[in-house]
Amino acid sequence: MQVTAARLVHHGRPLQIETVDIPDPIAGEVTVDMAYAGVNPVDRYAAEGLVAADAPLPRTLGMEGVGTVGGQWFLVSGYGIAAARDGLWSDRAVVPEAALVSLPDQVQPVAAAAMGVAGVTAWRVATDLARLTADDRVLVLGAAGGVGSIVVSIARGVGATVWGQTTSADKVQWITGQGANRAVVADEPGRLLEEVADLSPTVVFDGLGGAYTGAAITALAPHGRLVLYGTSAGTEGLLPLQALYRKGLHVLGYGGLIEPDESKHRWMTQALRALADGRLQVAVDAVVPLDRVGEAFELLAGRHVRGKVVLDLRS
C-alpha cells in the first residue's frame, strides 16, 4: 500500500514529503483514512532529535490524528505511534486497533485532531491533578498556547476565577475570548508578580518553567497548587524554597510521555465527552496542508499560535 507522508529523514533538517510503501495491517491492526493531525511542540523536538532520538530513521512523524475506518470517525494516538512505529502525518496509516477512540457525534474532526495531546493534558491537569472548583482563583501561564487555552476554558466552565498570562499584548483580547476574566501581559517573571498581585491564585498552571516557576510559587496563596506540565521558557530555574514550604504549597507534575496508553485513552474519552457537551473548548488557529508542514513548525517556534495548529492530511 502506498501513502503520501511527511518523513523525518535526518534530525535537524526539513521533513520530506514522500510516497512510501507501508505494510498491510496484520491481526490487531487497522488502516485509517487520515484527515487531520495535531502539531505539537514535541513533534518539533522529535524532528530536531531532542525527543526519541534513538527511534528509527527515516520515519513518519505525527503523534495524534483523526480519520475514518469504515466511515466512522476516530481519534488515533498512543501505542508506539510516531516512536516505535510510523506516525500519522500521512493520508493513510496502519495502526493498532487499540489506538482508536471513537468521536462523539457533536465533535468536529478538525477540533478532535488537537485533543490527543493538548486536550488530554489540559483535561487531566485541570480535573484530576488540580481538581478545580468554583472557589478557585486560577492563573494560567502561556494562556494562548494549545494546552493553556483549553485549561482556561475548563476553569471558566467550573465557575473559577481565571486569569491568563501572555507575553504579547496582541493576544489579550483573544485570551479573554476563551473565557479568562482577565489577561495579563508579562514577558518576564518580575512583571508577572506585579500583574497578579491582586489575584493571589489558589492554582497556577505552568507550561513555561524556567524562572516563571519560581514566580508562580511566590504568587500562590497559602496551601495553593502549582501544576507543572511544560518548560517552554526553560528547563531549569531557581525556586524560592522558603515560600514553597512555609505556605504549604502542593507541586503537581504531569508527564504525558510516561502515562500508560490505557490510562491516556480513558482520559481521552472523558475529554472528548467534555468537548462534545461544551465543558471545554479547543481553538484551532491554523489548518496547514501536509506539504507545508515546515510552516506549522515555524508557527510554533515563533510563538505566533493562538491555540492549536492542525495539518490537513487529505490528498
C-alpha atoms as a PDB file:
ATOM      1  CA  MET A   1       0.000   0.000   0.000  1.00  0.00           C
ATOM      2  CA  GLN A   2       1.378   3.418  -0.953  1.00  0.00           C
ATOM      3  CA  VAL A   3       0.809   6.594   1.069  1.00  0.00           C
ATOM      4  CA  THR A   4       1.953  10.205   0.940  1.00  0.00           C
ATOM      5  CA  ALA A   5       3.694  11.058   4.188  1.00  0.00           C
ATOM      6  CA  ALA A   6       5.836  13.681   5.946  1.00  0.00           C
ATOM      7  CA  ARG A   7       9.064  11.813   6.649  1.00  0.00           C
ATOM      8  CA  LEU A   8      11.840  12.577   9.099  1.00  0.00           C
ATOM      9  CA  VAL A   9      14.986  11.505   7.265  1.00  0.00           C
ATOM     10  CA  HIS A  10      17.680  13.461   9.149  1.00  0.00           C
ATOM     11  CA  HIS A  11      17.359  15.183  12.508  1.00  0.00           C
ATOM     12  CA  GLY A  12      17.519  18.947  12.244  1.00  0.00           C
ATOM     13  CA  ARG A  13      16.541  19.051   8.570  1.00  0.00           C
ATOM     14  CA  PRO A  14      13.145  19.797   6.979  1.00  0.00           C
ATOM     15  CA  LEU A  15      10.708  16.912   6.724  1.00  0.00           C
ATOM     16  CA  GLN A  16      10.377  15.383   3.268  1.00  0.00           C
ATOM     17  CA  ILE A  17       7.005  14.713   1.628  1.00  0.00           C
ATOM     18  CA  GLU A  18       7.379  11.298   0.030  1.00  0.00           C
ATOM     19  CA  THR A  19       5.357   8.451  -1.409  1.00  0.00           C
ATOM     20  CA  VAL A  20       6.215   5.374   0.610  1.00  0.00           C
ATOM     21  CA  ASP A  21       5.067   1.783   0.828  1.00  0.00           C
ATOM     22  CA  ILE A  22       3.537   0.658   4.099  1.00  0.00           C
ATOM     23  CA  PRO A  23       2.650  -2.911   5.071  1.00  0.00           C
ATOM     24  CA  ASP A  24      -0.893  -4.200   5.075  1.00  0.00           C
ATOM     25  CA  PRO A  25      -2.484  -4.485   8.534  1.00  0.00           C
ATOM     26  CA  ILE A  26      -1.991  -7.700  10.486  1.00  0.00           C
ATOM     27  CA  ALA A  27      -4.142  -9.107  13.269  1.00  0.00           C
ATOM     28  CA  GLY A  28      -4.966  -6.369  15.781  1.00  0.00           C
ATOM     29  CA  GLU A  29      -4.290  -3.560  13.301  1.00  0.00           C
ATOM     30  CA  VAL A  30      -6.490  -1.402  11.050  1.00  0.00           C
ATOM     31  CA  THR A  31      -5.974   1.008   8.170  1.00  0.00           C
ATOM     32  CA  VAL A  32      -7.197   4.534   8.891  1.00  0.00           C
ATOM     33  CA  ASP A  33      -8.018   7.032   6.162  1.00  0.00           C
ATOM     34  CA  MET A  34      -6.413  10.060   7.820  1.00  0.00           C
ATOM     35  CA  ALA A  35      -7.967  13.526   7.616  1.00  0.00           C
ATOM     36  CA  TYR A  36      -6.341  15.814  10.202  1.00  0.00           C
ATOM     37  CA  ALA A  37      -3.457  15.713  12.667  1.00  0.00           C
ATOM     38  CA  GLY A  38      -2.375  17.950  15.506  1.00  0.00           C
ATOM     39  CA  VAL A  39       1.052  19.597  15.519  1.00  0.00           C
ATOM     40  CA  ASN A  40       2.702  19.744  18.936  1.00  0.00           C
ATOM     41  CA  PRO A  41       5.963  21.140  20.291  1.00  0.00           C
ATOM     42  CA  VAL A  42       7.070  17.567  20.979  1.00  0.00           C
ATOM     43  CA  ASP A  43       6.764  16.821  17.237  1.00  0.00           C
ATOM     44  CA  ARG A  44       9.209  19.637  16.518  1.00  0.00           C
ATOM     45  CA  TYR A  45      11.524  18.353  19.257  1.00  0.00           C
ATOM     46  CA  ALA A  46      11.410  14.897  17.647  1.00  0.00           C
ATOM     47  CA  ALA A  47      12.334  16.390  14.271  1.00  0.00           C
ATOM     48  CA  GLU A  48      15.319  18.087  15.896  1.00  0.00           C
ATOM     49  CA  GLY A  49      16.396  14.890  17.677  1.00  0.00           C
ATOM     50  CA  LEU A  50      15.698  16.251  21.157  1.00  0.00           C
ATOM     51  CA  VAL A  51      12.979  13.625  21.803  1.00  0.00           C
ATOM     52  CA  ALA A  52      13.052   9.944  20.784  1.00  0.00           C
ATOM     53  CA  ALA A  53      16.468  10.447  19.220  1.00  0.00           C
ATOM     54  CA  ASP A  54      17.043   6.679  19.099  1.00  0.00           C
ATOM     55  CA  ALA A  55      13.822   5.955  17.184  1.00  0.00           C
ATOM     56  CA  PRO A  56      14.356   4.536  13.679  1.00  0.00           C
ATOM     57  CA  LEU A  57      15.031   6.785  10.666  1.00  0.00           C
ATOM     58  CA  PRO A  58      13.510   7.520   8.272  1.00  0.00           C
ATOM     59  CA  ARG A  59      10.045   7.538   9.790  1.00  0.00           C
ATOM     60  CA  THR A  60       6.726   9.342   9.561  1.00  0.00           C
ATOM     61  CA  LEU A  61       6.027  11.817  12.346  1.00  0.00           C
ATOM     62  CA  GLY A  62       2.693  12.664  13.980  1.00  0.00           C
ATOM     63  CA  MET A  63       1.558  11.543  17.442  1.00  0.00           C
ATOM     64  CA  GLU A  64      -2.151  12.320  17.129  1.00  0.00           C
ATOM     65  CA  GLY A  65      -4.660  12.471  14.339  1.00  0.00           C
ATOM     66  CA  VAL A  66      -8.230  11.915  13.211  1.00  0.00           C
ATOM     67  CA  GLY A  67      -9.509   9.710  10.424  1.00  0.00           C
ATOM     68  CA  THR A  68     -12.116   7.194   9.415  1.00  0.00           C
ATOM     69  CA  VAL A  69     -12.410   3.416   9.462  1.00  0.00           C
ATOM     70  CA  GLY A  70     -15.402   2.092   7.605  1.00  0.00           C
ATOM     71  CA  GLY A  71     -16.898   5.586   7.505  1.00  0.00           C
ATOM     72  CA  GLN A  72     -16.703   6.101  11.286  1.00  0.00           C
ATOM     73  CA  TRP A  73     -14.553   8.866  12.775  1.00  0.00           C
ATOM     74  CA  PHE A  74     -11.817   8.043  15.303  1.00  0.00           C
ATOM     75  CA  LEU A  75      -9.140   9.884  17.217  1.00  0.00           C
ATOM     76  CA  VAL A  76      -5.846   7.983  16.921  1.00  0.00           C
ATOM     77  CA  SER A  77      -2.871   8.205  19.304  1.00  0.00           C
ATOM     78  CA  GLY A  78      -0.534   6.217  21.541  1.00  0.00           C
ATOM     79  CA  TYR A  79       0.631   2.610  21.333  1.00  0.00           C
ATOM     80  CA  GLY A  80       4.047   3.458  19.881  1.00  0.00           C
ATOM     81  CA  ILE A  81       2.735   5.702  17.100  1.00  0.00           C
ATOM     82  CA  ALA A  82       5.473   8.103  15.877  1.00  0.00           C
ATOM     83  CA  ALA A  83       8.052   6.386  18.106  1.00  0.00           C
ATOM     84  CA  ALA A  84       8.262   2.604  17.818  1.00  0.00           C
ATOM     85  CA  ARG A  85       6.307   2.730  14.554  1.00  0.00           C
ATOM     86  CA  ASP A  86       5.423   5.282  11.886  1.00  0.00           C
ATOM     87  CA  GLY A  87       3.294   8.245  12.855  1.00  0.00           C
ATOM     88  CA  LEU A  88       0.133   9.724  11.427  1.00  0.00           C
ATOM     89  CA  TRP A  89       1.258  12.530   9.123  1.00  0.00           C
ATOM     90  CA  SER A  90       0.127  10.686   6.016  1.00  0.00           C
ATOM     91  CA  ASP A  91      -3.067  10.222   4.031  1.00  0.00           C
ATOM     92  CA  ARG A  92      -3.451   6.669   5.372  1.00  0.00           C
ATOM     93  CA  ALA A  93      -1.929   4.873   8.336  1.00  0.00           C
ATOM     94  CA  VAL A  94      -1.830   1.339   9.670  1.00  0.00           C
ATOM     95  CA  VAL A  95      -2.221   1.476  13.442  1.00  0.00           C
ATOM     96  CA  PRO A  96      -3.062  -0.804  16.375  1.00  0.00           C
ATOM     97  CA  GLU A  97      -6.819  -1.098  16.751  1.00  0.00           C
ATOM     98  CA  ALA A  98      -6.370  -0.252  20.438  1.00  0.00           C
ATOM     99  CA  ALA A  99      -5.152   3.223  19.405  1.00  0.00           C
ATOM    100  CA  LEU A 100      -8.626   4.219  18.191  1.00  0.00           C
ATOM    101  CA  VAL A 101     -11.089   6.269  20.252  1.00  0.00           C
ATOM    102  CA  SER A 102     -14.439   6.947  18.588  1.00  0.00           C
ATOM    103  CA  LEU A 103     -15.588  10.556  18.267  1.00  0.00           C
ATOM    104  CA  PRO A 104     -18.888  11.694  19.749  1.00  0.00           C
ATOM    105  CA  ASP A 105     -21.279  12.887  17.056  1.00  0.00           C
ATOM    106  CA  GLN A 106     -21.115  16.505  18.271  1.00  0.00           C
ATOM    107  CA  VAL A 107     -17.302  16.756  17.910  1.00  0.00           C
ATOM    108  CA  GLN A 108     -15.854  18.208  14.719  1.00  0.00           C
ATOM    109  CA  PRO A 109     -12.909  16.144  13.368  1.00  0.00           C
ATOM    110  CA  VAL A 110     -10.628  19.162  12.958  1.00  0.00           C
ATOM    111  CA  ALA A 111     -11.079  20.045  16.650  1.00  0.00           C
ATOM    112  CA  ALA A 112     -10.620  16.429  17.747  1.00  0.00           C
ATOM    113  CA  ALA A 113      -7.256  16.358  15.957  1.00  0.00           C
ATOM    114  CA  ALA A 114      -5.959  18.651  18.704  1.00  0.00           C
ATOM    115  CA  MET A 115      -7.215  16.513  21.575  1.00  0.00           C
ATOM    116  CA  GLY A 116      -4.790  13.584  21.671  1.00  0.00           C
ATOM    117  CA  VAL A 117      -2.029  15.595  23.366  1.00  0.00           C
ATOM    118  CA  ALA A 118      -3.160  19.112  24.333  1.00  0.00           C
ATOM    119  CA  GLY A 119      -6.764  18.182  25.082  1.00  0.00           C
ATOM    120  CA  VAL A 120      -5.908  15.205  27.265  1.00  0.00           C
ATOM    121  CA  THR A 121      -3.171  17.149  29.066  1.00  0.00           C
ATOM    122  CA  ALA A 122      -5.484  20.074  29.812  1.00  0.00           C
ATOM    123  CA  TRP A 123      -8.340  17.864  30.971  1.00  0.00           C
ATOM    124  CA  ARG A 124      -6.074  15.745  33.163  1.00  0.00           C
ATOM    125  CA  VAL A 125      -4.226  18.608  34.869  1.00  0.00           C
ATOM    126  CA  ALA A 126      -7.397  20.625  35.474  1.00  0.00           C
ATOM    127  CA  THR A 127      -9.772  17.912  36.650  1.00  0.00           C
ATOM    128  CA  ASP A 128      -7.547  15.207  38.141  1.00  0.00           C
ATOM    129  CA  LEU A 129      -4.407  16.941  39.394  1.00  0.00           C
ATOM    130  CA  ALA A 130      -5.705  20.392  40.344  1.00  0.00           C
ATOM    131  CA  ARG A 131      -9.302  19.264  40.991  1.00  0.00           C
ATOM    132  CA  LEU A 132     -10.602  22.726  40.142  1.00  0.00           C
ATOM    133  CA  THR A 133     -13.731  24.071  41.812  1.00  0.00           C
ATOM    134  CA  ALA A 134     -15.732  27.275  41.565  1.00  0.00           C
ATOM    135  CA  ASP A 135     -13.897  28.570  44.656  1.00  0.00           C
ATOM    136  CA  ASP A 136     -10.511  28.592  42.930  1.00  0.00           C
ATOM    137  CA  ARG A 137      -8.609  31.608  41.652  1.00  0.00           C
ATOM    138  CA  VAL A 138      -6.670  30.302  38.675  1.00  0.00           C
ATOM    139  CA  LEU A 139      -3.622  31.676  36.878  1.00  0.00           C
ATOM    140  CA  VAL A 140      -2.759  30.037  33.543  1.00  0.00           C
ATOM    141  CA  LEU A 141       0.746  30.730  32.274  1.00  0.00           C
ATOM    142  CA  GLY A 142       1.002  30.614  28.495  1.00  0.00           C
ATOM    143  CA  ALA A 143      -2.764  31.035  28.205  1.00  0.00           C
ATOM    144  CA  ALA A 144      -2.719  31.419  24.423  1.00  0.00           C
ATOM    145  CA  GLY A 145      -0.977  28.079  23.914  1.00  0.00           C
ATOM    146  CA  GLY A 146      -2.512  24.770  22.929  1.00  0.00           C
ATOM    147  CA  VAL A 147      -2.846  23.408  26.464  1.00  0.00           C
ATOM    148  CA  GLY A 148      -3.184  26.729  28.262  1.00  0.00           C
ATOM    149  CA  SER A 149      -6.124  27.933  26.190  1.00  0.00           C
ATOM    150  CA  ILE A 150      -8.019  24.700  26.859  1.00  0.00           C
ATOM    151  CA  VAL A 151      -7.285  24.943  30.595  1.00  0.00           C
ATOM    152  CA  VAL A 152      -8.742  28.465  30.558  1.00  0.00           C
ATOM    153  CA  SER A 153     -11.990  27.119  29.103  1.00  0.00           C
ATOM    154  CA  ILE A 154     -12.182  24.260  31.619  1.00  0.00           C
ATOM    155  CA  ALA A 155     -11.539  26.540  34.591  1.00  0.00           C
ATOM    156  CA  ARG A 156     -14.150  29.034  33.454  1.00  0.00           C
ATOM    157  CA  GLY A 157     -16.571  26.163  32.876  1.00  0.00           C
ATOM    158  CA  VAL A 158     -16.412  25.086  36.523  1.00  0.00           C
ATOM    159  CA  GLY A 159     -17.007  28.671  37.654  1.00  0.00           C
ATOM    160  CA  ALA A 160     -13.495  29.530  38.831  1.00  0.00           C
ATOM    161  CA  THR A 161     -11.965  32.994  38.502  1.00  0.00           C
ATOM    162  CA  VAL A 162      -9.425  32.706  35.678  1.00  0.00           C
ATOM    163  CA  TRP A 163      -6.534  34.965  34.713  1.00  0.00           C
ATOM    164  CA  GLY A 164      -4.318  34.160  31.737  1.00  0.00           C
ATOM    165  CA  GLN A 165      -0.719  35.254  31.171  1.00  0.00           C
ATOM    166  CA  THR A 166       0.801  36.063  27.808  1.00  0.00           C
ATOM    167  CA  THR A 167       3.947  37.810  26.603  1.00  0.00           C
ATOM    168  CA  SER A 168       2.100  39.540  23.757  1.00  0.00           C
ATOM    169  CA  ALA A 169      -0.419  42.360  24.061  1.00  0.00           C
ATOM    170  CA  ASP A 170      -1.893  41.209  20.742  1.00  0.00           C
ATOM    171  CA  LYS A 171      -3.233  38.079  22.466  1.00  0.00           C
ATOM    172  CA  VAL A 172      -5.042  39.736  25.382  1.00  0.00           C
ATOM    173  CA  GLN A 173      -8.432  40.016  23.722  1.00  0.00           C
ATOM    174  CA  TRP A 174      -8.164  36.504  22.330  1.00  0.00           C
ATOM    175  CA  ILE A 175      -7.466  35.044  25.802  1.00  0.00           C
ATOM    176  CA  THR A 176     -10.465  36.779  27.344  1.00  0.00           C
ATOM    177  CA  GLY A 177     -12.493  35.491  24.422  1.00  0.00           C
ATOM    178  CA  GLN A 178     -11.562  31.961  25.515  1.00  0.00           C
ATOM    179  CA  GLY A 179     -13.147  32.622  28.900  1.00  0.00           C
ATOM    180  CA  ALA A 180     -10.487  34.325  31.027  1.00  0.00           C
ATOM    181  CA  ASN A 181     -11.752  37.035  33.371  1.00  0.00           C
ATOM    182  CA  ARG A 182      -8.538  38.924  32.728  1.00  0.00           C
ATOM    183  CA  ALA A 183      -5.419  38.565  30.599  1.00  0.00           C
ATOM    184  CA  VAL A 184      -2.107  39.986  31.823  1.00  0.00           C
ATOM    185  CA  VAL A 185       0.935  40.785  29.718  1.00  0.00           C
ATOM    186  CA  ALA A 186       4.139  39.699  31.444  1.00  0.00           C
ATOM    187  CA  ASP A 187       7.265  38.961  29.441  1.00  0.00           C
ATOM    188  CA  GLU A 188       9.426  38.314  32.486  1.00  0.00           C
ATOM    189  CA  PRO A 189       8.798  36.816  35.943  1.00  0.00           C
ATOM    190  CA  GLY A 190       9.121  40.066  37.908  1.00  0.00           C
ATOM    191  CA  ARG A 191       6.439  41.687  35.807  1.00  0.00           C
ATOM    192  CA  LEU A 192       4.226  38.637  36.327  1.00  0.00           C
ATOM    193  CA  LEU A 193       4.351  39.104  40.099  1.00  0.00           C
ATOM    194  CA  GLU A 194       3.311  42.740  39.751  1.00  0.00           C
ATOM    195  CA  GLU A 195       0.430  41.918  37.418  1.00  0.00           C
ATOM    196  CA  VAL A 196      -1.100  39.106  39.507  1.00  0.00           C
ATOM    197  CA  ALA A 197      -0.618  40.561  42.988  1.00  0.00           C
ATOM    198  CA  ASP A 198      -4.351  41.233  43.312  1.00  0.00           C
ATOM    199  CA  LEU A 199      -5.319  37.696  42.300  1.00  0.00           C
ATOM    200  CA  SER A 200      -3.476  35.651  44.948  1.00  0.00           C
ATOM    201  CA  PRO A 201      -4.065  32.479  42.916  1.00  0.00           C
ATOM    202  CA  THR A 202      -5.005  29.241  44.576  1.00  0.00           C
ATOM    203  CA  VAL A 203      -3.874  27.330  41.461  1.00  0.00           C
ATOM    204  CA  VAL A 204      -1.199  28.102  38.870  1.00  0.00           C
ATOM    205  CA  PHE A 205      -0.958  26.054  35.675  1.00  0.00           C
ATOM    206  CA  ASP A 206       2.631  26.299  34.445  1.00  0.00           C
ATOM    207  CA  GLY A 207       3.609  25.233  30.948  1.00  0.00           C
ATOM    208  CA  LEU A 208       6.563  27.627  30.862  1.00  0.00           C
ATOM    209  CA  GLY A 209       9.041  26.568  33.531  1.00  0.00           C
ATOM    210  CA  GLY A 210      12.320  28.462  33.841  1.00  0.00           C
ATOM    211  CA  ALA A 211      12.150  31.477  36.132  1.00  0.00           C
ATOM    212  CA  TYR A 212       8.365  31.611  35.775  1.00  0.00           C
ATOM    213  CA  THR A 213       8.011  28.599  38.071  1.00  0.00           C
ATOM    214  CA  GLY A 214       9.713  30.423  40.917  1.00  0.00           C
ATOM    215  CA  ALA A 215       7.486  33.431  40.332  1.00  0.00           C
ATOM    216  CA  ALA A 216       4.420  31.179  40.385  1.00  0.00           C
ATOM    217  CA  ILE A 217       5.443  29.798  43.783  1.00  0.00           C
ATOM    218  CA  THR A 218       5.881  33.327  45.117  1.00  0.00           C
ATOM    219  CA  ALA A 219       2.479  34.385  43.758  1.00  0.00           C
ATOM    220  CA  LEU A 220       0.496  31.421  45.073  1.00  0.00           C
ATOM    221  CA  ALA A 221      -1.800  31.764  48.076  1.00  0.00           C
ATOM    222  CA  PRO A 222      -1.143  29.580  51.140  1.00  0.00           C
ATOM    223  CA  HIS A 223      -1.962  25.916  50.507  1.00  0.00           C
ATOM    224  CA  GLY A 224      -2.106  26.617  46.781  1.00  0.00           C
ATOM    225  CA  ARG A 225      -1.350  24.151  43.989  1.00  0.00           C
ATOM    226  CA  LEU A 226       1.280  24.513  41.281  1.00  0.00           C
ATOM    227  CA  VAL A 227       0.629  22.247  38.290  1.00  0.00           C
ATOM    228  CA  LEU A 228       3.700  21.942  36.056  1.00  0.00           C
ATOM    229  CA  TYR A 229       3.266  20.340  32.639  1.00  0.00           C
ATOM    230  CA  GLY A 230       5.859  22.018  30.411  1.00  0.00           C
ATOM    231  CA  THR A 231       9.086  24.019  30.266  1.00  0.00           C
ATOM    232  CA  SER A 232       8.891  26.054  27.064  1.00  0.00           C
ATOM    233  CA  ALA A 233      10.620  29.024  28.751  1.00  0.00           C
ATOM    234  CA  GLY A 234      13.432  26.933  30.274  1.00  0.00           C
ATOM    235  CA  THR A 235      14.124  23.526  31.748  1.00  0.00           C
ATOM    236  CA  GLU A 236      15.878  24.853  34.853  1.00  0.00           C
ATOM    237  CA  GLY A 237      15.204  27.604  37.356  1.00  0.00           C
ATOM    238  CA  LEU A 238      15.730  28.737  40.954  1.00  0.00           C
ATOM    239  CA  LEU A 239      12.863  28.082  43.363  1.00  0.00           C
ATOM    240  CA  PRO A 240      12.022  30.137  46.490  1.00  0.00           C
ATOM    241  CA  LEU A 241      12.093  27.162  48.827  1.00  0.00           C
ATOM    242  CA  GLN A 242      11.006  29.054  51.929  1.00  0.00           C
ATOM    243  CA  ALA A 243       7.846  30.209  50.170  1.00  0.00           C
ATOM    244  CA  LEU A 244       7.278  26.645  48.987  1.00  0.00           C
ATOM    245  CA  TYR A 245       7.270  25.078  52.440  1.00  0.00           C
ATOM    246  CA  ARG A 246       6.114  27.988  54.592  1.00  0.00           C
ATOM    247  CA  LYS A 247       2.955  28.379  52.531  1.00  0.00           C
ATOM    248  CA  GLY A 248       2.327  24.629  52.496  1.00  0.00           C
ATOM    249  CA  LEU A 249       2.159  24.513  48.704  1.00  0.00           C
ATOM    250  CA  HIS A 250       1.495  21.437  46.594  1.00  0.00           C
ATOM    251  CA  VAL A 251       3.618  20.883  43.462  1.00  0.00           C
ATOM    252  CA  LEU A 252       1.992  18.545  40.935  1.00  0.00           C
ATOM    253  CA  GLY A 253       3.696  17.381  37.761  1.00  0.00           C
ATOM    254  CA  TYR A 254       2.104  15.846  34.677  1.00  0.00           C
ATOM    255  CA  GLY A 255       4.247  13.654  32.410  1.00  0.00           C
ATOM    256  CA  GLY A 256       2.140  12.523  29.496  1.00  0.00           C
ATOM    257  CA  LEU A 257       5.020  10.709  27.804  1.00  0.00           C
ATOM    258  CA  ILE A 258       5.189   8.160  30.633  1.00  0.00           C
ATOM    259  CA  GLU A 259       1.439   7.752  31.033  1.00  0.00           C
ATOM    260  CA  PRO A 260       0.242   4.219  30.123  1.00  0.00           C
ATOM    261  CA  ASP A 261      -1.695   4.128  26.862  1.00  0.00           C
ATOM    262  CA  GLU A 262      -4.752   2.604  28.508  1.00  0.00           C
ATOM    263  CA  SER A 263      -4.859   5.442  31.049  1.00  0.00           C
ATOM    264  CA  LYS A 264      -4.419   8.132  28.395  1.00  0.00           C
ATOM    265  CA  HIS A 265      -7.233   6.676  26.327  1.00  0.00           C
ATOM    266  CA  ARG A 266      -9.527   6.625  29.339  1.00  0.00           C
ATOM    267  CA  TRP A 267      -8.841  10.312  29.919  1.00  0.00           C
ATOM    268  CA  MET A 268      -9.134  10.966  26.198  1.00  0.00           C
ATOM    269  CA  THR A 269     -12.635   9.523  26.164  1.00  0.00           C
ATOM    270  CA  GLN A 270     -13.591  11.812  29.053  1.00  0.00           C
ATOM    271  CA  ALA A 271     -12.041  14.846  27.362  1.00  0.00           C
ATOM    272  CA  LEU A 272     -13.892  14.180  24.106  1.00  0.00           C
ATOM    273  CA  ARG A 273     -17.166  13.974  26.023  1.00  0.00           C
ATOM    274  CA  ALA A 274     -16.350  17.287  27.674  1.00  0.00           C
ATOM    275  CA  LEU A 275     -15.635  18.800  24.250  1.00  0.00           C
ATOM    276  CA  ALA A 276     -18.930  17.443  22.960  1.00  0.00           C
ATOM    277  CA  ASP A 277     -21.018  18.938  25.769  1.00  0.00           C
ATOM    278  CA  GLY A 278     -19.154  22.246  25.981  1.00  0.00           C
ATOM    279  CA  ARG A 279     -17.217  21.799  29.220  1.00  0.00           C
ATOM    280  CA  LEU A 280     -14.022  22.562  27.311  1.00  0.00           C
ATOM    281  CA  GLN A 281     -13.179  24.368  24.098  1.00  0.00           C
ATOM    282  CA  VAL A 282     -10.444  23.809  21.520  1.00  0.00           C
ATOM    283  CA  ALA A 283      -9.240  26.732  19.431  1.00  0.00           C
ATOM    284  CA  VAL A 284      -7.640  25.810  16.097  1.00  0.00           C
ATOM    285  CA  ASP A 285      -5.597  28.768  14.866  1.00  0.00           C
ATOM    286  CA  ALA A 286      -4.417  27.375  11.538  1.00  0.00           C
ATOM    287  CA  VAL A 287      -5.056  24.369   9.313  1.00  0.00           C
ATOM    288  CA  VAL A 288      -1.959  23.772   7.174  1.00  0.00           C
ATOM    289  CA  PRO A 289      -1.670  21.353   4.220  1.00  0.00           C
ATOM    290  CA  LEU A 290       0.648  18.397   4.773  1.00  0.00           C
ATOM    291  CA  ASP A 291       3.118  19.573   2.132  1.00  0.00           C
ATOM    292  CA  ARG A 292       3.607  22.810   4.109  1.00  0.00           C
ATOM    293  CA  VAL A 293       4.378  21.112   7.411  1.00  0.00           C
ATOM    294  CA  GLY A 294       7.504  23.251   7.744  1.00  0.00           C
ATOM    295  CA  GLU A 295       5.263  26.308   8.090  1.00  0.00           C
ATOM    296  CA  ALA A 296       3.486  24.644  11.002  1.00  0.00           C
ATOM    297  CA  PHE A 297       6.818  24.190  12.791  1.00  0.00           C
ATOM    298  CA  GLU A 298       7.688  27.844  12.127  1.00  0.00           C
ATOM    299  CA  LEU A 299       4.416  28.975  13.690  1.00  0.00           C
ATOM    300  CA  LEU A 300       5.187  27.003  16.854  1.00  0.00           C
ATOM    301  CA  ALA A 301       8.806  28.119  17.042  1.00  0.00           C
ATOM    302  CA  GLY A 302       7.874  31.769  16.577  1.00  0.00           C
ATOM    303  CA  ARG A 303       5.154  31.630  19.253  1.00  0.00           C
ATOM    304  CA  HIS A 304       2.645  33.019  16.784  1.00  0.00           C
ATOM    305  CA  VAL A 305      -0.025  30.424  17.547  1.00  0.00           C
ATOM    306  CA  ARG A 306      -3.248  31.106  19.398  1.00  0.00           C
ATOM    307  CA  GLY A 307      -4.462  27.653  20.340  1.00  0.00           C
ATOM    308  CA  LYS A 308      -3.521  24.791  18.036  1.00  0.00           C
ATOM    309  CA  VAL A 309      -2.090  24.166  14.586  1.00  0.00           C
ATOM    310  CA  VAL A 310      -3.577  21.262  12.637  1.00  0.00           C
ATOM    311  CA  LEU A 311      -2.370  19.538   9.461  1.00  0.00           C
ATOM    312  CA  ASP A 312      -4.797  18.725   6.658  1.00  0.00           C
ATOM    313  CA  LEU A 313      -3.762  15.228   5.550  1.00  0.00           C
ATOM    314  CA  ARG A 314      -6.327  14.766   2.799  1.00  0.00           C
ATOM    315  CA  SER A 315      -4.700  14.377  -0.600  1.00  0.00           C
END
